[in-house]
Amino acid sequence: LSTASYDSVSFSVSSQDSGPASIEFSPLGTKMFMLGFGSSNVHQYTLSSGFDLSTASYDSVSFSVSSQDSGPASIEFSPLGTKMFMLGFGSSNVHQYTLSSGFDLSTASYDSVSFSVSSQDSVPMHAAFSVSGTKMYMLGFNTPAVHQYTLSSGFDLSTVTYDNVSFSVNSQDTQPSGLAFSPSGSGMFMVGRSSDKIYQYST
């Protein structure tokens, strides 16, 4: 983050949702997904040049998660895009979905599998996964801390257990809202609402 600079490039998603809550990209950056709080939909976009927002366009493809949670907070995908996970603070659950064609929302369906994180935080904000899907991390708004879980079968929420391990981010921001990890897991990043900053950690 010490080498970061703004590109003065942005892309509006207001036509899809006035309250965007989370975005995710495919590994090559040619697909982008936005979770809308207002619509409770995940929306799909294409970037003709990977990770270049100036080339983004809406695919007119969306998928509703309203039946699972009225307060969707974040989404995450498995590396192949065949699994999607939505964390909702309405239910304090992580919900699991299958995409029969990777990173194609038109093929998404709910697996009827969920996992409650309410014992760790009643207002969960973001769930992130390791590349193998055997570790899950939840950023809690009330605690405020990152909580760690183990999945005995990668990207299978039915196999999740809490590790009784957490890391406080309260000293950096009292209103944490977003969480991300580097592919190796050695870098963790948290965005905070009270400071409007992104914070970098080493793991």
N, C-alpha and C. Protein backbone atom coordinates (compact mmCIF):
# COMPACT_ATOMS: atom_id res chain seq x y z
N LEU A 1 0.81 -1.22 0.00
CA LEU A 1 0.00 0.00 0.00
C LEU A 1 0.84 1.26 0.00
N SER A 2 2.07 1.17 0.46
CA SER A 2 2.93 2.34 0.51
C SER A 2 3.28 2.83 -0.90
N THR A 3 3.04 1.99 -1.92
CA THR A 3 3.35 2.36 -3.31
C THR A 3 2.09 2.67 -4.12
N ALA A 4 0.93 2.76 -3.45
CA ALA A 4 -0.35 2.94 -4.16
C ALA A 4 -0.56 4.38 -4.61
N SER A 5 -1.21 4.52 -5.78
CA SER A 5 -1.62 5.84 -6.28
C SER A 5 -2.93 5.67 -7.03
N TYR A 6 -3.71 6.74 -7.05
CA TYR A 6 -5.02 6.69 -7.70
C TYR A 6 -4.88 6.89 -9.20
N ASP A 7 -5.55 6.07 -10.00
CA ASP A 7 -5.48 6.14 -11.46
C ASP A 7 -6.45 7.14 -12.07
N SER A 8 -7.29 7.75 -11.22
CA SER A 8 -8.34 8.66 -11.71
C SER A 8 -9.25 7.94 -12.72
N VAL A 9 -9.53 6.69 -12.44
CA VAL A 9 -10.43 5.87 -13.25
C VAL A 9 -11.53 5.32 -12.35
N SER A 10 -12.78 5.44 -12.76
CA SER A 10 -13.88 4.91 -11.97
C SER A 10 -14.95 4.36 -12.92
N PHE A 11 -15.86 3.57 -12.34
CA PHE A 11 -16.94 2.97 -13.13
C PHE A 11 -18.20 2.98 -12.27
N SER A 12 -19.26 3.58 -12.77
CA SER A 12 -20.49 3.70 -12.01
C SER A 12 -21.34 2.44 -12.09
N VAL A 13 -21.85 2.02 -10.93
CA VAL A 13 -22.78 0.88 -10.87
C VAL A 13 -24.15 1.34 -10.39
N SER A 14 -24.37 2.65 -10.39
CA SER A 14 -25.62 3.21 -9.84
C SER A 14 -26.86 2.76 -10.60
N SER A 15 -26.70 2.44 -11.88
CA SER A 15 -27.86 1.98 -12.66
C SER A 15 -28.31 0.60 -12.21
N GLN A 16 -27.43 -0.16 -11.57
CA GLN A 16 -27.79 -1.48 -11.06
C GLN A 16 -28.21 -1.41 -9.59
N ASP A 17 -27.50 -0.61 -8.78
CA ASP A 17 -27.84 -0.51 -7.37
C ASP A 17 -27.24 0.76 -6.78
N SER A 18 -28.05 1.49 -6.00
CA SER A 18 -27.58 2.73 -5.39
C SER A 18 -26.83 2.48 -4.09
N GLY A 19 -26.81 1.23 -3.64
CA GLY A 19 -26.11 0.89 -2.40
C GLY A 19 -25.19 -0.29 -2.57
N PRO A 20 -24.14 -0.15 -3.40
CA PRO A 20 -23.21 -1.27 -3.59
C PRO A 20 -22.49 -1.63 -2.29
N ALA A 21 -22.41 -2.92 -2.00
CA ALA A 21 -21.85 -3.37 -0.72
C ALA A 21 -20.51 -4.09 -0.87
N SER A 22 -20.29 -4.73 -2.02
CA SER A 22 -19.08 -5.54 -2.16
C SER A 22 -18.79 -5.77 -3.64
N ILE A 23 -17.50 -5.83 -4.01
CA ILE A 23 -17.13 -6.20 -5.37
C ILE A 23 -16.08 -7.31 -5.32
N GLU A 24 -16.08 -8.15 -6.34
CA GLU A 24 -15.09 -9.21 -6.48
C GLU A 24 -14.73 -9.35 -7.95
N PHE A 25 -13.51 -9.83 -8.20
CA PHE A 25 -13.02 -10.02 -9.56
C PHE A 25 -12.64 -11.48 -9.78
N SER A 26 -12.72 -11.94 -11.02
CA SER A 26 -12.16 -13.23 -11.39
C SER A 26 -10.64 -13.12 -11.36
N PRO A 27 -9.91 -14.23 -11.29
CA PRO A 27 -8.44 -14.16 -11.19
C PRO A 27 -7.75 -13.37 -12.30
N LEU A 28 -8.30 -13.40 -13.51
CA LEU A 28 -7.70 -12.66 -14.62
C LEU A 28 -8.24 -11.24 -14.73
N GLY A 29 -9.23 -10.92 -13.90
CA GLY A 29 -9.76 -9.57 -13.89
C GLY A 29 -10.67 -9.24 -15.05
N THR A 30 -11.14 -10.25 -15.77
CA THR A 30 -12.02 -10.01 -16.92
C THR A 30 -13.50 -10.07 -16.55
N LYS A 31 -13.79 -10.51 -15.33
CA LYS A 31 -15.15 -10.48 -14.80
C LYS A 31 -15.15 -9.76 -13.46
N MET A 32 -16.16 -8.93 -13.27
CA MET A 32 -16.34 -8.22 -12.01
C MET A 32 -17.77 -8.46 -11.52
N PHE A 33 -17.92 -8.58 -10.21
CA PHE A 33 -19.23 -8.85 -9.62
C PHE A 33 -19.46 -7.85 -8.50
N MET A 34 -20.66 -7.27 -8.49
CA MET A 34 -21.02 -6.28 -7.48
C MET A 34 -22.26 -6.76 -6.74
N LEU A 35 -22.16 -6.78 -5.41
CA LEU A 35 -23.29 -7.13 -4.57
C LEU A 35 -23.99 -5.85 -4.16
N GLY A 36 -25.26 -5.74 -4.51
CA GLY A 36 -26.04 -4.55 -4.20
C GLY A 36 -26.88 -4.74 -2.96
N PHE A 37 -26.73 -3.81 -2.02
CA PHE A 37 -27.50 -3.87 -0.78
C PHE A 37 -28.97 -3.53 -1.02
N GLY A 38 -29.20 -2.55 -1.90
CA GLY A 38 -30.57 -2.10 -2.15
C GLY A 38 -31.42 -3.12 -2.87
N SER A 39 -30.82 -3.79 -3.85
CA SER A 39 -31.56 -4.76 -4.66
C SER A 39 -31.43 -6.19 -4.16
N SER A 40 -30.44 -6.44 -3.29
CA SER A 40 -30.11 -7.80 -2.84
C SER A 40 -29.80 -8.70 -4.03
N ASN A 41 -29.12 -8.12 -5.02
CA ASN A 41 -28.71 -8.85 -6.21
C ASN A 41 -27.20 -8.79 -6.39
N VAL A 42 -26.64 -9.84 -6.98
CA VAL A 42 -25.26 -9.82 -7.47
C VAL A 42 -25.33 -9.51 -8.96
N HIS A 43 -24.54 -8.54 -9.41
CA HIS A 43 -24.54 -8.11 -10.81
C HIS A 43 -23.19 -8.45 -11.44
N GLN A 44 -23.22 -8.80 -12.72
CA GLN A 44 -22.02 -9.28 -13.42
C GLN A 44 -21.59 -8.29 -14.51
N TYR A 45 -20.27 -8.07 -14.58
CA TYR A 45 -19.68 -7.15 -15.56
C TYR A 45 -18.51 -7.82 -16.27
N THR A 46 -18.20 -7.33 -17.46
CA THR A 46 -17.04 -7.81 -18.21
C THR A 46 -16.05 -6.66 -18.40
N LEU A 47 -14.76 -6.97 -18.21
CA LEU A 47 -13.69 -6.03 -18.49
C LEU A 47 -12.91 -6.59 -19.67
N SER A 48 -12.95 -5.92 -20.80
CA SER A 48 -12.28 -6.44 -22.00
C SER A 48 -10.78 -6.49 -21.82
N SER A 49 -10.25 -5.65 -20.94
CA SER A 49 -8.84 -5.71 -20.54
C SER A 49 -8.81 -5.95 -19.03
N GLY A 50 -8.21 -7.04 -18.61
CA GLY A 50 -8.27 -7.46 -17.22
C GLY A 50 -7.86 -6.39 -16.22
N PHE A 51 -8.69 -6.20 -15.20
CA PHE A 51 -8.45 -5.27 -14.11
C PHE A 51 -8.33 -3.81 -14.58
N ASP A 52 -8.89 -3.51 -15.74
CA ASP A 52 -8.89 -2.13 -16.24
C ASP A 52 -10.33 -1.65 -16.28
N LEU A 53 -10.72 -0.86 -15.28
CA LEU A 53 -12.10 -0.41 -15.16
C LEU A 53 -12.57 0.43 -16.34
N SER A 54 -11.64 1.03 -17.07
CA SER A 54 -12.04 1.84 -18.22
C SER A 54 -12.62 0.98 -19.34
N THR A 55 -12.46 -0.35 -19.23
CA THR A 55 -12.97 -1.26 -20.25
C THR A 55 -14.17 -2.06 -19.75
N ALA A 56 -14.74 -1.67 -18.61
CA ALA A 56 -15.84 -2.42 -17.99
C ALA A 56 -17.18 -2.12 -18.65
N SER A 57 -18.03 -3.13 -18.73
CA SER A 57 -19.41 -2.98 -19.21
C SER A 57 -20.30 -3.97 -18.47
N TYR A 58 -21.56 -3.60 -18.33
CA TYR A 58 -22.51 -4.46 -17.61
C TYR A 58 -23.01 -5.56 -18.52
N ASP A 59 -23.05 -6.78 -18.01
CA ASP A 59 -23.49 -7.94 -18.80
C ASP A 59 -25.00 -8.11 -18.81
N SER A 60 -25.72 -7.25 -18.08
CA SER A 60 -27.17 -7.40 -17.92
C SER A 60 -27.53 -8.78 -17.36
N VAL A 61 -26.69 -9.23 -16.44
CA VAL A 61 -26.89 -10.50 -15.75
C VAL A 61 -26.85 -10.24 -14.25
N SER A 62 -27.85 -10.73 -13.54
CA SER A 62 -27.88 -10.56 -12.09
C SER A 62 -28.46 -11.82 -11.44
N PHE A 63 -28.20 -11.95 -10.14
CA PHE A 63 -28.68 -13.11 -9.39
C PHE A 63 -29.14 -12.63 -8.02
N SER A 64 -30.36 -12.97 -7.66
CA SER A 64 -30.94 -12.50 -6.41
C SER A 64 -30.53 -13.38 -5.23
N VAL A 65 -30.14 -12.72 -4.12
CA VAL A 65 -29.84 -13.44 -2.88
C VAL A 65 -30.82 -13.03 -1.78
N SER A 66 -31.90 -12.37 -2.17
CA SER A 66 -32.86 -11.83 -1.20
C SER A 66 -33.56 -12.91 -0.38
N SER A 67 -33.71 -14.10 -0.96
CA SER A 67 -34.38 -15.18 -0.22
C SER A 67 -33.50 -15.70 0.91
N GLN A 68 -32.20 -15.47 0.83
CA GLN A 68 -31.30 -15.92 1.87
C GLN A 68 -31.06 -14.85 2.93
N ASP A 69 -30.97 -13.58 2.51
CA ASP A 69 -30.69 -12.53 3.48
C ASP A 69 -31.17 -11.18 2.97
N SER A 70 -31.79 -10.41 3.86
CA SER A 70 -32.28 -9.08 3.51
C SER A 70 -31.20 -8.01 3.67
N GLY A 71 -30.06 -8.40 4.24
CA GLY A 71 -28.97 -7.46 4.42
C GLY A 71 -27.65 -8.02 3.92
N PRO A 72 -27.53 -8.27 2.61
CA PRO A 72 -26.29 -8.84 2.07
C PRO A 72 -25.13 -7.88 2.24
N ALA A 73 -23.99 -8.41 2.70
CA ALA A 73 -22.85 -7.55 3.02
C ALA A 73 -21.64 -7.79 2.13
N SER A 74 -21.37 -9.05 1.76
CA SER A 74 -20.18 -9.32 0.96
C SER A 74 -20.34 -10.59 0.15
N ILE A 75 -19.55 -10.70 -0.91
CA ILE A 75 -19.49 -11.92 -1.72
C ILE A 75 -18.04 -12.33 -1.91
N GLU A 76 -17.84 -13.62 -2.11
CA GLU A 76 -16.53 -14.19 -2.41
C GLU A 76 -16.74 -15.34 -3.38
N PHE A 77 -15.74 -15.61 -4.22
CA PHE A 77 -15.78 -16.71 -5.16
C PHE A 77 -14.60 -17.65 -4.93
N SER A 78 -14.79 -18.92 -5.26
CA SER A 78 -13.67 -19.85 -5.32
C SER A 78 -12.82 -19.50 -6.54
N PRO A 79 -11.55 -19.93 -6.60
CA PRO A 79 -10.67 -19.54 -7.70
C PRO A 79 -11.20 -19.88 -9.09
N LEU A 80 -11.95 -20.97 -9.22
CA LEU A 80 -12.50 -21.35 -10.53
C LEU A 80 -13.87 -20.73 -10.79
N GLY A 81 -14.41 -20.05 -9.78
CA GLY A 81 -15.69 -19.39 -9.96
C GLY A 81 -16.88 -20.31 -9.93
N THR A 82 -16.69 -21.54 -9.47
CA THR A 82 -17.80 -22.50 -9.42
C THR A 82 -18.54 -22.47 -8.08
N LYS A 83 -17.98 -21.76 -7.10
CA LYS A 83 -18.64 -21.57 -5.82
C LYS A 83 -18.67 -20.08 -5.49
N MET A 84 -19.80 -19.62 -4.99
CA MET A 84 -19.94 -18.24 -4.55
C MET A 84 -20.47 -18.26 -3.12
N PHE A 85 -20.02 -17.31 -2.32
CA PHE A 85 -20.42 -17.22 -0.93
C PHE A 85 -20.89 -15.80 -0.63
N MET A 86 -22.03 -15.70 0.03
CA MET A 86 -22.58 -14.40 0.40
C MET A 86 -22.74 -14.36 1.91
N LEU A 87 -22.19 -13.30 2.51
CA LEU A 87 -22.35 -13.08 3.94
C LEU A 87 -23.41 -12.02 4.15
N GLY A 88 -24.39 -12.33 4.98
CA GLY A 88 -25.46 -11.39 5.26
C GLY A 88 -25.52 -11.03 6.73
N PHE A 89 -25.63 -9.73 7.03
CA PHE A 89 -25.74 -9.37 8.44
C PHE A 89 -27.19 -9.38 8.93
N GLY A 90 -28.13 -9.62 8.02
CA GLY A 90 -29.51 -9.79 8.45
C GLY A 90 -29.69 -11.10 9.20
N SER A 91 -29.06 -12.15 8.67
CA SER A 91 -29.15 -13.48 9.28
C SER A 91 -27.89 -13.86 10.04
N SER A 92 -26.81 -13.10 9.84
CA SER A 92 -25.48 -13.43 10.39
C SER A 92 -25.02 -14.80 9.92
N ASN A 93 -25.33 -15.09 8.65
CA ASN A 93 -24.95 -16.37 8.04
C ASN A 93 -24.12 -16.14 6.78
N VAL A 94 -23.23 -17.11 6.52
CA VAL A 94 -22.58 -17.22 5.21
C VAL A 94 -23.36 -18.25 4.41
N HIS A 95 -23.73 -17.90 3.18
CA HIS A 95 -24.53 -18.78 2.32
C HIS A 95 -23.71 -19.23 1.12
N GLN A 96 -23.94 -20.46 0.69
CA GLN A 96 -23.15 -21.09 -0.37
C GLN A 96 -23.97 -21.32 -1.64
N TYR A 97 -23.35 -21.02 -2.79
CA TYR A 97 -24.00 -21.16 -4.09
C TYR A 97 -23.06 -21.90 -5.05
N THR A 98 -23.66 -22.53 -6.05
CA THR A 98 -22.89 -23.21 -7.10
C THR A 98 -23.15 -22.54 -8.44
N LEU A 99 -22.08 -22.31 -9.21
CA LEU A 99 -22.19 -21.83 -10.60
C LEU A 99 -21.72 -22.98 -11.48
N SER A 100 -22.61 -23.56 -12.26
CA SER A 100 -22.25 -24.72 -13.07
C SER A 100 -21.22 -24.36 -14.13
N SER A 101 -21.19 -23.08 -14.51
CA SER A 101 -20.15 -22.55 -15.39
C SER A 101 -19.43 -21.43 -14.63
N GLY A 102 -18.15 -21.59 -14.44
CA GLY A 102 -17.40 -20.68 -13.59
C GLY A 102 -17.54 -19.21 -13.96
N PHE A 103 -17.81 -18.38 -12.95
CA PHE A 103 -17.95 -16.93 -13.11
C PHE A 103 -19.05 -16.53 -14.09
N ASP A 104 -20.06 -17.38 -14.20
CA ASP A 104 -21.23 -17.07 -15.03
C ASP A 104 -22.46 -17.10 -14.13
N LEU A 105 -22.91 -15.91 -13.73
CA LEU A 105 -24.03 -15.81 -12.78
C LEU A 105 -25.33 -16.40 -13.31
N SER A 106 -25.45 -16.49 -14.62
CA SER A 106 -26.67 -17.05 -15.19
C SER A 106 -26.81 -18.53 -14.87
N THR A 107 -25.73 -19.16 -14.38
CA THR A 107 -25.76 -20.59 -14.04
C THR A 107 -25.75 -20.81 -12.52
N ALA A 108 -25.98 -19.75 -11.74
CA ALA A 108 -25.91 -19.85 -10.28
C ALA A 108 -27.18 -20.43 -9.68
N SER A 109 -26.98 -21.17 -8.60
CA SER A 109 -28.11 -21.71 -7.82
C SER A 109 -27.69 -21.83 -6.37
N TYR A 110 -28.67 -21.73 -5.48
CA TYR A 110 -28.39 -21.81 -4.04
C TYR A 110 -28.23 -23.27 -3.62
N ASP A 111 -27.20 -23.56 -2.82
CA ASP A 111 -26.94 -24.93 -2.37
C ASP A 111 -27.76 -25.32 -1.14
N SER A 112 -28.52 -24.37 -0.59
CA SER A 112 -29.25 -24.60 0.67
C SER A 112 -28.29 -25.00 1.78
N VAL A 113 -27.12 -24.36 1.78
CA VAL A 113 -26.10 -24.59 2.80
C VAL A 113 -25.71 -23.23 3.36
N SER A 114 -25.70 -23.12 4.68
CA SER A 114 -25.29 -21.86 5.32
C SER A 114 -24.57 -22.16 6.62
N PHE A 115 -23.87 -21.14 7.12
CA PHE A 115 -23.13 -21.30 8.38
C PHE A 115 -23.27 -20.01 9.18
N SER A 116 -23.66 -20.13 10.43
CA SER A 116 -23.88 -18.98 11.28
C SER A 116 -22.57 -18.51 11.94
N VAL A 117 -22.35 -17.20 11.88
CA VAL A 117 -21.20 -16.59 12.56
C VAL A 117 -21.67 -15.67 13.69
N SER A 118 -22.94 -15.79 14.07
CA SER A 118 -23.54 -14.88 15.05
C SER A 118 -22.88 -14.99 16.42
N SER A 119 -22.31 -16.15 16.75
CA SER A 119 -21.66 -16.31 18.06
C SER A 119 -20.38 -15.49 18.14
N GLN A 120 -19.80 -15.16 16.99
CA GLN A 120 -18.59 -14.35 16.96
C GLN A 120 -18.92 -12.86 16.82
N ASP A 121 -19.91 -12.53 15.99
CA ASP A 121 -20.30 -11.13 15.82
C ASP A 121 -21.71 -11.07 15.25
N SER A 122 -22.54 -10.22 15.83
CA SER A 122 -23.93 -10.10 15.39
C SER A 122 -24.09 -9.23 14.14
N VAL A 123 -23.02 -8.50 13.78
CA VAL A 123 -23.05 -7.68 12.57
C VAL A 123 -21.81 -8.01 11.74
N PRO A 124 -21.78 -9.18 11.09
CA PRO A 124 -20.64 -9.54 10.25
C PRO A 124 -20.64 -8.72 8.96
N MET A 125 -19.45 -8.31 8.53
CA MET A 125 -19.34 -7.41 7.37
C MET A 125 -18.73 -8.06 6.14
N HIS A 126 -17.81 -9.00 6.33
CA HIS A 126 -17.14 -9.58 5.16
C HIS A 126 -16.61 -10.96 5.51
N ALA A 127 -16.76 -11.90 4.58
CA ALA A 127 -16.17 -13.23 4.70
C ALA A 127 -15.19 -13.43 3.56
N ALA A 128 -13.98 -13.87 3.89
CA ALA A 128 -12.94 -14.11 2.89
C ALA A 128 -12.41 -15.53 3.07
N PHE A 129 -11.88 -16.09 1.98
CA PHE A 129 -11.39 -17.47 1.99
C PHE A 129 -9.94 -17.55 1.55
N SER A 130 -9.23 -18.56 2.03
CA SER A 130 -7.91 -18.87 1.50
C SER A 130 -8.07 -19.45 0.10
N VAL A 131 -6.98 -19.50 -0.65
CA VAL A 131 -7.03 -20.00 -2.03
C VAL A 131 -7.52 -21.44 -2.09
N SER A 132 -7.17 -22.25 -1.09
CA SER A 132 -7.59 -23.65 -1.06
C SER A 132 -9.01 -23.82 -0.53
N GLY A 133 -9.55 -22.76 0.08
CA GLY A 133 -10.90 -22.83 0.64
C GLY A 133 -10.97 -23.57 1.95
N THR A 134 -9.83 -23.87 2.56
CA THR A 134 -9.83 -24.59 3.83
C THR A 134 -9.79 -23.64 5.03
N LYS A 135 -9.64 -22.35 4.78
CA LYS A 135 -9.71 -21.34 5.83
C LYS A 135 -10.71 -20.26 5.41
N MET A 136 -11.51 -19.83 6.36
CA MET A 136 -12.44 -18.72 6.15
C MET A 136 -12.19 -17.68 7.23
N TYR A 137 -12.34 -16.42 6.86
CA TYR A 137 -12.14 -15.32 7.78
C TYR A 137 -13.34 -14.39 7.73
N MET A 138 -13.83 -14.00 8.90
CA MET A 138 -14.98 -13.11 8.97
C MET A 138 -14.61 -11.84 9.70
N LEU A 139 -14.91 -10.71 9.07
CA LEU A 139 -14.68 -9.40 9.68
C LEU A 139 -15.95 -8.96 10.39
N GLY A 140 -15.85 -8.77 11.69
CA GLY A 140 -17.00 -8.36 12.48
C GLY A 140 -17.01 -6.88 12.76
N PHE A 141 -18.18 -6.27 12.64
CA PHE A 141 -18.33 -4.83 12.86
C PHE A 141 -18.38 -4.48 14.34
N ASN A 142 -19.06 -5.31 15.12
CA ASN A 142 -19.25 -5.01 16.54
C ASN A 142 -18.02 -5.30 17.38
N THR A 143 -17.24 -6.32 16.98
CA THR A 143 -16.15 -6.76 17.86
C THR A 143 -15.01 -5.75 18.07
N PRO A 144 -14.51 -4.95 17.10
CA PRO A 144 -14.31 -5.25 15.68
C PRO A 144 -13.04 -6.09 15.53
N ALA A 145 -13.17 -7.22 14.85
CA ALA A 145 -12.07 -8.18 14.76
C ALA A 145 -12.26 -9.09 13.55
N VAL A 146 -11.18 -9.75 13.17
CA VAL A 146 -11.21 -10.80 12.15
C VAL A 146 -11.21 -12.14 12.87
N HIS A 147 -12.15 -13.00 12.51
CA HIS A 147 -12.29 -14.32 13.13
C HIS A 147 -11.92 -15.40 12.13
N GLN A 148 -11.29 -16.47 12.60
CA GLN A 148 -10.76 -17.52 11.72
C GLN A 148 -11.53 -18.84 11.88
N TYR A 149 -11.77 -19.49 10.75
CA TYR A 149 -12.51 -20.76 10.71
C TYR A 149 -11.75 -21.76 9.83
N THR A 150 -12.03 -23.04 10.04
CA THR A 150 -11.46 -24.10 9.22
C THR A 150 -12.57 -24.87 8.52
N LEU A 151 -12.36 -25.16 7.22
CA LEU A 151 -13.26 -26.02 6.45
C LEU A 151 -12.49 -27.30 6.15
N SER A 152 -12.94 -28.42 6.66
CA SER A 152 -12.22 -29.68 6.46
C SER A 152 -12.26 -30.11 5.00
N SER A 153 -13.28 -29.64 4.26
CA SER A 153 -13.35 -29.83 2.81
C SER A 153 -13.44 -28.45 2.18
N GLY A 154 -12.49 -28.14 1.33
CA GLY A 154 -12.37 -26.79 0.79
C GLY A 154 -13.64 -26.28 0.13
N PHE A 155 -14.03 -25.07 0.47
CA PHE A 155 -15.19 -24.39 -0.10
C PHE A 155 -16.50 -25.16 0.12
N ASP A 156 -16.55 -25.92 1.20
CA ASP A 156 -17.77 -26.65 1.57
C ASP A 156 -18.19 -26.17 2.96
N LEU A 157 -19.20 -25.28 3.00
CA LEU A 157 -19.61 -24.68 4.27
C LEU A 157 -20.17 -25.69 5.26
N SER A 158 -20.57 -26.84 4.80
CA SER A 158 -21.11 -27.85 5.72
C SER A 158 -20.02 -28.44 6.59
N THR A 159 -18.75 -28.10 6.30
CA THR A 159 -17.63 -28.67 7.06
C THR A 159 -16.90 -27.61 7.90
N VAL A 160 -17.54 -26.45 8.14
CA VAL A 160 -16.89 -25.34 8.84
C VAL A 160 -16.93 -25.51 10.35
N THR A 161 -15.82 -25.16 11.00
CA THR A 161 -15.77 -25.05 12.46
C THR A 161 -14.98 -23.78 12.81
N TYR A 162 -15.32 -23.18 13.95
CA TYR A 162 -14.62 -21.98 14.40
C TYR A 162 -13.33 -22.37 15.10
N ASP A 163 -12.23 -21.67 14.77
CA ASP A 163 -10.92 -22.00 15.34
C ASP A 163 -10.67 -21.37 16.71
N ASN A 164 -11.63 -20.55 17.19
CA ASN A 164 -11.43 -19.80 18.43
C ASN A 164 -10.18 -18.91 18.35
N VAL A 165 -9.99 -18.35 17.15
CA VAL A 165 -8.87 -17.45 16.89
C VAL A 165 -9.44 -16.16 16.30
N SER A 166 -9.02 -15.03 16.86
CA SER A 166 -9.47 -13.75 16.32
C SER A 166 -8.34 -12.72 16.42
N PHE A 167 -8.46 -11.67 15.63
CA PHE A 167 -7.46 -10.60 15.61
C PHE A 167 -8.18 -9.26 15.62
N SER A 168 -7.90 -8.45 16.61
CA SER A 168 -8.58 -7.17 16.75
C SER A 168 -8.01 -6.13 15.79
N VAL A 169 -8.93 -5.38 15.14
CA VAL A 169 -8.53 -4.26 14.29
C VAL A 169 -9.04 -2.95 14.88
N ASN A 170 -9.47 -3.01 16.13
CA ASN A 170 -10.08 -1.85 16.78
C ASN A 170 -9.14 -0.66 16.89
N SER A 171 -7.85 -0.94 17.03
CA SER A 171 -6.88 0.15 17.15
C SER A 171 -6.72 0.92 15.85
N GLN A 172 -7.06 0.29 14.71
CA GLN A 172 -6.97 0.97 13.42
C GLN A 172 -8.29 1.64 13.04
N ASP A 173 -9.41 0.96 13.27
CA ASP A 173 -10.71 1.52 12.90
C ASP A 173 -11.80 0.85 13.71
N THR A 174 -12.72 1.64 14.24
CA THR A 174 -13.80 1.10 15.06
C THR A 174 -15.01 0.68 14.23
N GLN A 175 -14.96 0.94 12.90
CA GLN A 175 -16.06 0.56 12.01
C GLN A 175 -15.51 -0.17 10.77
N PRO A 176 -14.93 -1.36 10.95
CA PRO A 176 -14.37 -2.09 9.81
C PRO A 176 -15.47 -2.57 8.87
N SER A 177 -15.21 -2.51 7.57
CA SER A 177 -16.27 -2.86 6.63
C SER A 177 -15.84 -3.81 5.51
N GLY A 178 -14.54 -3.92 5.24
CA GLY A 178 -14.10 -4.77 4.14
C GLY A 178 -12.82 -5.50 4.47
N LEU A 179 -12.64 -6.70 3.89
CA LEU A 179 -11.49 -7.56 4.19
C LEU A 179 -11.01 -8.23 2.92
N ALA A 180 -9.68 -8.32 2.76
CA ALA A 180 -9.10 -9.03 1.62
C ALA A 180 -7.75 -9.58 2.00
N PHE A 181 -7.35 -10.67 1.34
CA PHE A 181 -6.05 -11.30 1.55
C PHE A 181 -5.30 -11.38 0.23
N SER A 182 -3.97 -11.34 0.29
CA SER A 182 -3.15 -11.63 -0.87
C SER A 182 -3.26 -13.12 -1.18
N PRO A 183 -2.97 -13.56 -2.41
CA PRO A 183 -3.11 -14.98 -2.74
C PRO A 183 -2.33 -15.92 -1.82
N SER A 184 -1.15 -15.48 -1.37
CA SER A 184 -0.34 -16.33 -0.50
C SER A 184 -0.84 -16.33 0.94
N GLY A 185 -1.71 -15.37 1.27
CA GLY A 185 -2.22 -15.24 2.63
C GLY A 185 -1.30 -14.49 3.56
N SER A 186 -0.18 -14.00 3.05
CA SER A 186 0.79 -13.31 3.91
C SER A 186 0.44 -11.83 4.09
N GLY A 187 -0.48 -11.33 3.29
CA GLY A 187 -0.92 -9.95 3.41
C GLY A 187 -2.41 -9.89 3.65
N MET A 188 -2.84 -9.10 4.63
CA MET A 188 -4.25 -8.90 4.91
C MET A 188 -4.54 -7.40 4.84
N PHE A 189 -5.72 -7.06 4.31
CA PHE A 189 -6.09 -5.67 4.14
C PHE A 189 -7.50 -5.46 4.66
N MET A 190 -7.66 -4.37 5.42
CA MET A 190 -8.96 -4.03 6.00
C MET A 190 -9.29 -2.59 5.67
N VAL A 191 -10.54 -2.35 5.24
CA VAL A 191 -10.99 -0.99 5.00
C VAL A 191 -11.92 -0.58 6.12
N GLY A 192 -11.71 0.64 6.62
CA GLY A 192 -12.49 1.13 7.75
C GLY A 192 -13.34 2.32 7.39
N ARG A 193 -14.56 2.35 7.92
CA ARG A 193 -15.50 3.43 7.61
C ARG A 193 -15.21 4.70 8.40
N SER A 194 -14.77 4.56 9.63
CA SER A 194 -14.60 5.74 10.46
C SER A 194 -13.41 6.58 10.02
N SER A 195 -12.41 5.93 9.43
CA SER A 195 -11.22 6.65 8.99
C SER A 195 -11.15 6.83 7.48
N ASP A 196 -11.98 6.06 6.74
CA ASP A 196 -11.92 6.05 5.27
C ASP A 196 -10.52 5.69 4.79
N LYS A 197 -9.95 4.67 5.40
CA LYS A 197 -8.60 4.22 5.05
C LYS A 197 -8.57 2.72 4.84
N ILE A 198 -7.57 2.26 4.07
CA ILE A 198 -7.26 0.84 3.93
C ILE A 198 -6.01 0.57 4.74
N TYR A 199 -6.05 -0.47 5.57
CA TYR A 199 -4.93 -0.81 6.45
C TYR A 199 -4.32 -2.13 6.00
N GLN A 200 -3.02 -2.22 6.10
CA GLN A 200 -2.26 -3.40 5.66
C GLN A 200 -1.67 -4.13 6.86
N TYR A 201 -1.77 -5.48 6.83
CA TYR A 201 -1.26 -6.32 7.91
C TYR A 201 -0.43 -7.45 7.31
N SER A 202 0.50 -7.99 8.10
CA SER A 202 1.27 -9.17 7.72
C SER A 202 0.81 -10.35 8.56
N THR A 203 0.63 -11.51 7.92
CA THR A 203 0.23 -12.72 8.65
C THR A 203 1.29 -13.79 8.50
